[in-house]
Amino acid sequence: VCVKSLGALIMLVIFIVAGSIIFGSSMHFAETDDWRLAADCREGCYVRPTSDGFENEVSPWVDIPLATYWWAVVTLTTVGYGDFYPTTTAGKIVGTLCVFGGVLFLAPPITIIGANFALEYDAVRAENARKLMEERQKRVKKR
């Protein structure tokens, strides 16, 4: 299955890496409003509007490689833990595009891998049925 699906697996990895770079970077810039000194962080941090839009909170999107790529991979694969979520309008748009991108770009390679698995599974079942039939025929001939 892995050998037959190698092209689809490579395509899947490329889509996840490219999507996490594009959507993760976009989310970082959409959700990090400005850098401020705040009570929560004395050395400064990014703040963003809260989900109700009336106050500001420390943004969880602290860096692109760790926080936003994690969010992008989780969102692209439609796992969605909910540990990070956008509160700004731009962030919600990026999040929506990321979910749709995950469904549209990851479905074809996963479908190919699933189809190859089904073919292999059917071949194994056919081989097992053939062996079982041969054993039954041998038993009948011995009688």
C-alpha atoms as a PDB file:
ATOM      1  CA  VAL A   1       0.000   0.000   0.000  1.00  0.00           C
ATOM      2  CA  CYS A   2       2.787   2.431   0.908  1.00  0.00           C
ATOM      3  CA  VAL A   3       4.678   1.800  -2.324  1.00  0.00           C
ATOM      4  CA  LYS A   4       1.575   2.272  -4.474  1.00  0.00           C
ATOM      5  CA  SER A   5       0.589   5.363  -2.499  1.00  0.00           C
ATOM      6  CA  LEU A   6       4.034   6.978  -2.350  1.00  0.00           C
ATOM      7  CA  GLY A   7       3.092   9.786  -4.748  1.00  0.00           C
ATOM      8  CA  ALA A   8      -0.063  10.541  -2.779  1.00  0.00           C
ATOM      9  CA  LEU A   9       1.843  10.463   0.513  1.00  0.00           C
ATOM     10  CA  ILE A  10       4.427  12.905  -0.829  1.00  0.00           C
ATOM     11  CA  MET A  11       1.641  15.153  -2.125  1.00  0.00           C
ATOM     12  CA  LEU A  12      -0.047  14.976   1.296  1.00  0.00           C
ATOM     13  CA  VAL A  13       3.141  16.022   3.104  1.00  0.00           C
ATOM     14  CA  ILE A  14       3.778  18.855   0.639  1.00  0.00           C
ATOM     15  CA  PHE A  15       0.208  20.160   1.052  1.00  0.00           C
ATOM     16  CA  ILE A  16       0.457  20.068   4.850  1.00  0.00           C
ATOM     17  CA  VAL A  17       3.857  21.793   4.918  1.00  0.00           C
ATOM     18  CA  ALA A  18       2.888  24.444   2.348  1.00  0.00           C
ATOM     19  CA  GLY A  19      -0.498  25.015   3.983  1.00  0.00           C
ATOM     20  CA  SER A  20       0.984  25.374   7.441  1.00  0.00           C
ATOM     21  CA  ILE A  21       3.535  27.891   6.162  1.00  0.00           C
ATOM     22  CA  ILE A  22       0.949  29.947   4.279  1.00  0.00           C
ATOM     23  CA  PHE A  23      -1.919  29.805   6.782  1.00  0.00           C
ATOM     24  CA  GLY A  24       0.284  29.879   9.884  1.00  0.00           C
ATOM     25  CA  SER A  25       2.113  33.004   8.763  1.00  0.00           C
ATOM     26  CA  SER A  26      -1.142  34.635   7.685  1.00  0.00           C
ATOM     27  CA  MET A  27      -2.737  33.879  11.043  1.00  0.00           C
ATOM     28  CA  HIS A  28       0.228  35.308  12.941  1.00  0.00           C
ATOM     29  CA  PHE A  29      -0.072  38.611  11.100  1.00  0.00           C
ATOM     30  CA  ALA A  30      -3.877  38.650  11.358  1.00  0.00           C
ATOM     31  CA  GLU A  31      -4.001  37.968  15.101  1.00  0.00           C
ATOM     32  CA  THR A  32      -1.026  39.906  16.473  1.00  0.00           C
ATOM     33  CA  ASP A  33      -2.466  43.389  16.665  1.00  0.00           C
ATOM     34  CA  ASP A  34       0.391  45.283  18.276  1.00  0.00           C
ATOM     35  CA  TRP A  35       3.322  44.890  20.651  1.00  0.00           C
ATOM     36  CA  ARG A  36       2.751  46.347  24.100  1.00  0.00           C
ATOM     37  CA  LEU A  37       3.885  46.211  27.650  1.00  0.00           C
ATOM     38  CA  ALA A  38       1.052  44.648  29.596  1.00  0.00           C
ATOM     39  CA  ALA A  39       0.373  43.489  33.137  1.00  0.00           C
ATOM     40  CA  ASP A  40       0.553  39.880  31.970  1.00  0.00           C
ATOM     41  CA  CYS A  41       3.965  40.299  30.351  1.00  0.00           C
ATOM     42  CA  ARG A  42       6.402  42.922  31.587  1.00  0.00           C
ATOM     43  CA  GLU A  43       8.870  42.489  28.737  1.00  0.00           C
ATOM     44  CA  GLY A  44       6.175  43.085  26.142  1.00  0.00           C
ATOM     45  CA  CYS A  45       3.894  40.862  24.113  1.00  0.00           C
ATOM     46  CA  TYR A  46       1.428  40.909  21.269  1.00  0.00           C
ATOM     47  CA  VAL A  47      -2.120  41.776  22.206  1.00  0.00           C
ATOM     48  CA  ARG A  48      -5.337  41.258  20.288  1.00  0.00           C
ATOM     49  CA  PRO A  49      -9.012  42.016  20.844  1.00  0.00           C
ATOM     50  CA  THR A  50     -10.952  39.530  22.964  1.00  0.00           C
ATOM     51  CA  SER A  51     -13.671  37.434  21.357  1.00  0.00           C
ATOM     52  CA  ASP A  52     -16.324  39.953  22.412  1.00  0.00           C
ATOM     53  CA  GLY A  53     -14.191  42.767  20.947  1.00  0.00           C
ATOM     54  CA  PHE A  54     -14.432  45.094  23.967  1.00  0.00           C
ATOM     55  CA  GLU A  55     -11.058  44.455  25.621  1.00  0.00           C
ATOM     56  CA  ASN A  56      -7.565  43.316  24.715  1.00  0.00           C
ATOM     57  CA  GLU A  57      -5.859  40.080  25.690  1.00  0.00           C
ATOM     58  CA  VAL A  58      -2.421  38.581  25.253  1.00  0.00           C
ATOM     59  CA  SER A  59      -2.298  36.875  21.877  1.00  0.00           C
ATOM     60  CA  PRO A  60      -1.482  33.150  21.933  1.00  0.00           C
ATOM     61  CA  TRP A  61       0.159  33.539  18.508  1.00  0.00           C
ATOM     62  CA  VAL A  62       3.547  34.315  20.019  1.00  0.00           C
ATOM     63  CA  ASP A  63       5.723  33.003  17.222  1.00  0.00           C
ATOM     64  CA  ILE A  64       5.329  31.719  13.707  1.00  0.00           C
ATOM     65  CA  PRO A  65       7.271  28.429  13.816  1.00  0.00           C
ATOM     66  CA  LEU A  66       5.722  26.891  16.910  1.00  0.00           C
ATOM     67  CA  ALA A  67       2.354  28.366  17.770  1.00  0.00           C
ATOM     68  CA  THR A  68       0.951  29.240  14.374  1.00  0.00           C
ATOM     69  CA  TYR A  69       2.297  26.213  12.492  1.00  0.00           C
ATOM     70  CA  TRP A  70       0.826  24.000  15.207  1.00  0.00           C
ATOM     71  CA  TRP A  71      -2.536  25.711  14.764  1.00  0.00           C
ATOM     72  CA  ALA A  72      -2.312  25.442  10.968  1.00  0.00           C
ATOM     73  CA  VAL A  73      -1.529  21.705  10.975  1.00  0.00           C
ATOM     74  CA  VAL A  74      -4.309  21.005  13.482  1.00  0.00           C
ATOM     75  CA  THR A  75      -6.774  23.077  11.459  1.00  0.00           C
ATOM     76  CA  LEU A  76      -5.714  21.777   8.028  1.00  0.00           C
ATOM     77  CA  THR A  77      -6.161  18.197   9.169  1.00  0.00           C
ATOM     78  CA  THR A  78      -9.552  19.167  10.680  1.00  0.00           C
ATOM     79  CA  VAL A  79      -8.575  17.938  14.151  1.00  0.00           C
ATOM     80  CA  GLY A  80      -9.200  21.345  15.751  1.00  0.00           C
ATOM     81  CA  TYR A  81      -8.158  21.051  19.405  1.00  0.00           C
ATOM     82  CA  GLY A  82      -9.382  24.549  20.214  1.00  0.00           C
ATOM     83  CA  ASP A  83      -6.264  25.551  22.129  1.00  0.00           C
ATOM     84  CA  PHE A  84      -5.807  28.512  19.761  1.00  0.00           C
ATOM     85  CA  TYR A  85      -8.630  30.265  17.986  1.00  0.00           C
ATOM     86  CA  PRO A  86      -8.902  33.561  16.114  1.00  0.00           C
ATOM     87  CA  THR A  87     -10.795  36.521  17.541  1.00  0.00           C
ATOM     88  CA  THR A  88     -10.213  39.174  14.886  1.00  0.00           C
ATOM     89  CA  THR A  89     -12.180  39.344  11.653  1.00  0.00           C
ATOM     90  CA  ALA A  90      -9.030  38.844   9.583  1.00  0.00           C
ATOM     91  CA  GLY A  91      -8.078  35.856  11.725  1.00  0.00           C
ATOM     92  CA  LYS A  92     -11.508  34.287  11.307  1.00  0.00           C
ATOM     93  CA  ILE A  93     -11.242  34.685   7.524  1.00  0.00           C
ATOM     94  CA  VAL A  94      -7.793  33.045   7.537  1.00  0.00           C
ATOM     95  CA  GLY A  95      -9.168  30.256   9.751  1.00  0.00           C
ATOM     96  CA  THR A  96     -12.094  29.645   7.412  1.00  0.00           C
ATOM     97  CA  LEU A  97      -9.806  29.514   4.386  1.00  0.00           C
ATOM     98  CA  CYS A  98      -7.510  27.122   6.258  1.00  0.00           C
ATOM     99  CA  VAL A  99     -10.363  24.723   7.022  1.00  0.00           C
ATOM    100  CA  PHE A 100     -11.618  24.797   3.434  1.00  0.00           C
ATOM    101  CA  GLY A 101      -8.049  24.397   2.162  1.00  0.00           C
ATOM    102  CA  GLY A 102      -7.566  21.375   4.378  1.00  0.00           C
ATOM    103  CA  VAL A 103     -10.709  19.713   3.095  1.00  0.00           C
ATOM    104  CA  LEU A 104     -10.038  20.534  -0.565  1.00  0.00           C
ATOM    105  CA  PHE A 105      -6.297  19.860  -0.728  1.00  0.00           C
ATOM    106  CA  LEU A 106      -6.010  16.888   1.612  1.00  0.00           C
ATOM    107  CA  ALA A 107      -9.025  14.941   0.346  1.00  0.00           C
ATOM    108  CA  PRO A 108      -7.518  13.808  -3.023  1.00  0.00           C
ATOM    109  CA  PRO A 109      -4.320  12.230  -1.616  1.00  0.00           C
ATOM    110  CA  ILE A 110      -6.239  10.620   1.242  1.00  0.00           C
ATOM    111  CA  THR A 111      -8.754   9.230  -1.248  1.00  0.00           C
ATOM    112  CA  ILE A 112      -5.940   7.746  -3.351  1.00  0.00           C
ATOM    113  CA  ILE A 113      -4.363   6.144  -0.275  1.00  0.00           C
ATOM    114  CA  GLY A 114      -7.743   4.770   0.800  1.00  0.00           C
ATOM    115  CA  ALA A 115      -8.453   3.356  -2.661  1.00  0.00           C
ATOM    116  CA  ASN A 116      -5.029   1.665  -2.774  1.00  0.00           C
ATOM    117  CA  PHE A 117      -5.643   0.189   0.658  1.00  0.00           C
ATOM    118  CA  ALA A 118      -9.028  -1.134  -0.476  1.00  0.00           C
ATOM    119  CA  LEU A 119      -7.415  -2.757  -3.544  1.00  0.00           C
ATOM    120  CA  GLU A 120      -4.769  -4.432  -1.410  1.00  0.00           C
ATOM    121  CA  TYR A 121      -7.351  -5.544   1.124  1.00  0.00           C
ATOM    122  CA  ASP A 122      -9.516  -7.048  -1.609  1.00  0.00           C
ATOM    123  CA  ALA A 123      -6.480  -8.858  -3.048  1.00  0.00           C
ATOM    124  CA  VAL A 124      -5.643 -10.344   0.356  1.00  0.00           C
ATOM    125  CA  ARG A 125      -9.237 -11.437   0.875  1.00  0.00           C
ATOM    126  CA  ALA A 126      -9.337 -13.026  -2.593  1.00  0.00           C
ATOM    127  CA  GLU A 127      -6.063 -14.861  -1.893  1.00  0.00           C
ATOM    128  CA  ASN A 128      -7.404 -16.122   1.444  1.00  0.00           C
ATOM    129  CA  ALA A 129     -10.629 -17.271  -0.223  1.00  0.00           C
ATOM    130  CA  ARG A 130      -8.622 -19.070  -2.922  1.00  0.00           C
ATOM    131  CA  LYS A 131      -6.510 -20.863  -0.298  1.00  0.00           C
ATOM    132  CA  LEU A 132      -9.602 -21.844   1.651  1.00  0.00           C
ATOM    133  CA  MET A 133     -11.222 -23.210  -1.514  1.00  0.00           C
ATOM    134  CA  GLU A 134      -8.091 -25.248  -2.336  1.00  0.00           C
ATOM    135  CA  GLU A 135      -8.047 -26.720   1.180  1.00  0.00           C
ATOM    136  CA  ARG A 136     -11.705 -27.679   0.884  1.00  0.00           C
ATOM    137  CA  GLN A 137     -11.083 -29.312  -2.497  1.00  0.00           C
ATOM    138  CA  LYS A 138      -8.175 -31.304  -1.040  1.00  0.00           C
ATOM    139  CA  ARG A 139     -10.413 -32.519   1.801  1.00  0.00           C
ATOM    140  CA  VAL A 140     -13.131 -33.565  -0.647  1.00  0.00           C
ATOM    141  CA  LYS A 141     -10.609 -35.486  -2.815  1.00  0.00           C
ATOM    142  CA  LYS A 142      -9.276 -37.356   0.249  1.00  0.00           C
ATOM    143  CA  ARG A 143     -12.721 -38.725   1.055  1.00  0.00           C
END
